[in-house]
Protein backbone atom coordinates (compact mmCIF):
# COMPACT_ATOMS: atom_id res chain seq x y z
CA ALA A 1 -11.22 22.78 -4.99
CA LEU A 2 -13.50 26.15 -4.53
CA GLY A 3 -14.55 25.46 -1.10
CA ASP A 4 -17.30 27.88 -0.16
CA GLU A 5 -16.46 29.82 -3.15
CA GLY A 6 -17.81 27.25 -5.42
CA PRO A 7 -21.27 25.42 -6.23
CA SER A 8 -23.05 23.61 -3.65
CA THR A 9 -24.05 20.78 -6.06
CA PHE A 10 -21.90 19.22 -8.71
CA VAL A 11 -20.96 15.78 -10.12
CA THR A 12 -17.67 14.64 -11.17
CA ILE A 13 -17.23 12.15 -14.22
CA MET A 14 -13.75 10.20 -14.33
CA ILE A 15 -12.71 8.94 -17.69
CA ALA A 16 -10.14 6.15 -17.17
CA ILE A 17 -7.26 6.78 -19.66
CA ASP A 18 -5.18 3.83 -18.21
CA ASP A 19 -6.67 0.60 -16.81
CA MET A 20 -7.15 1.52 -12.85
CA THR A 21 -6.37 -1.28 -10.42
CA GLU A 22 -5.92 -1.44 -6.81
CA LYS A 23 -2.42 -1.94 -7.31
CA ASN A 24 -1.87 1.23 -9.16
CA GLY A 25 -4.23 2.90 -6.70
CA CYS A 26 -7.49 3.32 -8.35
CA LEU A 27 -10.08 5.94 -7.38
CA LYS A 28 -12.11 4.77 -4.37
CA VAL A 29 -15.36 6.29 -3.46
CA CYS A 30 -17.54 6.07 -0.07
CA LYS A 31 -21.01 5.04 -1.20
CA GLY A 32 -23.94 7.01 0.55
CA PRO A 33 -26.69 9.86 0.23
CA TRP A 34 -23.78 12.39 0.10
CA SER A 35 -24.94 16.24 -0.17
CA GLU A 36 -24.12 19.70 1.01
CA ASP A 37 -26.57 18.60 4.28
CA ASN A 38 -24.69 15.37 4.48
CA HIS A 39 -21.10 15.27 3.89
CA VAL A 40 -17.51 14.59 5.63
CA GLU A 41 -15.88 17.70 7.16
CA VAL A 42 -12.71 18.40 5.34
CA VAL A 43 -9.20 20.01 6.44
CA GLU A 44 -8.76 23.62 5.65
CA PRO A 45 -5.90 23.77 2.98
CA GLU A 46 -2.21 24.72 4.04
CA GLU A 47 -1.29 28.30 4.05
CA ASP A 48 1.09 28.81 1.33
CA GLY A 49 0.64 25.07 0.44
CA ASN A 50 0.95 23.23 -2.68
CA PRO A 51 -2.37 23.64 -4.45
CA ASP A 52 -2.08 20.13 -5.71
CA ALA A 53 -1.24 18.46 -2.52
CA GLY A 54 -1.70 19.75 1.32
CA GLY A 55 -2.81 23.41 0.15
CA ARG A 56 -5.62 21.63 -1.72
CA ALA A 57 -9.34 22.04 -0.56
CA GLY A 58 -11.23 18.98 0.12
CA ALA A 59 -8.57 16.57 1.90
CA ILE A 60 -10.44 14.19 4.53
CA GLU A 61 -8.61 14.00 7.75
CA LEU A 62 -6.97 10.70 8.18
CA ASN A 63 -8.92 9.64 11.37
CA VAL A 64 -12.17 10.57 9.54
CA ALA A 65 -11.51 8.54 6.45
CA ASP A 66 -10.11 5.54 8.58
CA LYS A 67 -13.93 5.38 9.65
CA LEU A 68 -15.36 5.43 6.15
CA THR A 69 -15.64 2.58 3.78
CA PHE A 70 -14.28 3.11 0.46
CA GLN A 71 -15.07 1.08 -2.56
CA PRO A 72 -12.45 0.94 -5.15
CA ILE A 73 -13.44 1.80 -8.54
CA THR A 74 -11.52 -0.74 -10.81
CA CYS A 75 -11.99 -0.19 -14.71
CA LYS A 76 -10.35 -0.42 -17.92
CA GLY A 77 -8.84 2.43 -19.85
CA GLY A 78 -12.12 4.04 -21.96
CA ASP A 79 -14.40 3.26 -19.06
CA ILE A 80 -16.34 6.23 -17.12
CA ALA A 81 -17.21 6.59 -13.51
CA ILE A 82 -19.64 9.34 -12.47
CA PHE A 83 -19.98 10.31 -8.77
CA ASN A 84 -21.56 13.08 -6.48
CA GLY A 85 -19.00 15.61 -5.63
CA TRP A 86 -19.80 15.56 -2.12
CA ALA A 87 -19.06 11.68 -1.93
CA PRO A 88 -15.61 10.98 -0.03
CA HIS A 89 -13.14 9.87 -2.59
CA ARG A 90 -9.55 9.13 -2.82
CA SER A 91 -6.76 7.50 -4.43
CA SER A 92 -3.64 5.55 -2.89
CA ALA A 93 -0.28 5.83 -4.07
CA ASN A 94 0.68 3.77 -7.50
CA ALA A 95 2.60 0.84 -6.57
CA SER A 96 2.85 -0.31 -10.15
CA PRO A 97 5.28 0.32 -12.69
CA PHE A 98 2.68 1.49 -15.10
CA PRO A 99 1.11 5.05 -15.16
CA ARG A 100 -2.44 5.65 -13.81
CA ARG A 101 -3.90 8.34 -15.73
CA ALA A 102 -7.49 10.01 -15.76
CA MET A 103 -9.39 12.82 -16.82
CA PHE A 104 -11.88 14.52 -14.19
CA LEU A 105 -14.73 16.65 -15.42
CA THR A 106 -16.82 18.51 -12.74
CA TYR A 107 -20.07 20.07 -13.69
CA ASN A 108 -22.55 21.96 -11.76
CA PRO A 109 -25.98 23.25 -12.37
CA ALA A 110 -26.32 26.34 -14.56
CA ARG A 111 -28.93 27.91 -11.86
CA GLU A 112 -25.54 27.93 -9.62
CA GLY A 113 -23.17 29.93 -12.05
CA ASP A 114 -20.52 29.25 -14.60
CA PHE A 115 -17.30 28.85 -12.47
CA HIS A 116 -14.99 27.46 -15.26
CA GLU A 117 -12.89 30.76 -15.67
CA PHE A 118 -12.93 31.62 -11.84
CA TYR A 119 -11.65 28.07 -10.90
CA TYR A 120 -8.95 28.07 -13.68
CA ARG A 121 -7.81 31.92 -12.39
CA LYS A 122 -7.92 30.98 -9.04
CA MET A 123 -5.58 27.66 -9.39
CA LYS A 124 -3.12 29.69 -11.53
CA GLN A 125 -2.78 32.24 -8.80
CA LYS A 126 -2.42 29.35 -6.25
CA ARG A 127 0.21 27.59 -8.33
CA ASP A 128 1.98 30.92 -9.18
CA ASP A 129 1.96 31.99 -5.35
CA TYR A 130 3.21 28.47 -4.35
CA LYS A 131 6.29 29.00 -7.08
CA ILE A 132 7.13 32.13 -5.14
CA VAL A 133 6.99 30.09 -1.76
CA LEU A 134 9.31 27.56 -3.18
CA MET A 135 12.12 29.87 -4.74
CA ALA A 136 11.88 31.72 -1.24
CA GLN A 137 12.67 28.15 0.57
CA ARG A 138 15.21 27.46 -2.24
CA ASN A 139 17.07 30.81 -1.68
CA ALA A 140 16.94 30.41 2.15
CA ASP A 141 18.38 26.72 1.85
CA HIS A 142 21.03 28.06 -0.47
CA GLU A 143 22.05 31.12 1.90
CA ALA A 144 22.35 28.71 4.81
CA GLU A 145 24.63 26.14 2.77
CA MET A 146 26.56 29.08 1.70
CA ALA A 147 27.02 30.31 5.28
CA ALA A 148 27.75 26.73 6.58
CA LEU A 149 30.18 26.49 3.85
CA ASN A 150 32.09 29.60 4.55
CA SER A 151 32.34 28.62 8.18
CA ILE A 152 34.73 25.94 7.46
CA PRO A 153 38.20 27.35 8.35
CA ARG A 154 40.66 27.68 5.56
CA ALA A 155 44.07 26.12 5.50
């Protein structure tokens, strides 16, 4: 999420709250000796994009992801999975009627600095900026709709 502004070494811990199955889109990780020097290139976040979707740092191009072998991490609620932050990972859509909740904790070595406050401040700003973009889009849509309605001849 921090891209070049964040640490170069980090580990992520996933704590499953609900059972994780392939049907509900469990986490999938690509095994390998992943590091800052051996990683998959990611796409640049969309300008003014949703920071929780296309505007998020770290997304892997589909044509690259299709060439990788992702192993599903199926587990029970309460289980944990730990993986190198450079390891390519993704989840599929939840095709079940049940939730797929998990908590993700990411840590970096203290020698690389404390990014906790910076991360949350940056993500809050990105989300606030995205809300402004959404409001502008909604206003433009409303104005276009009103213009279309006003163009209808009145009897």
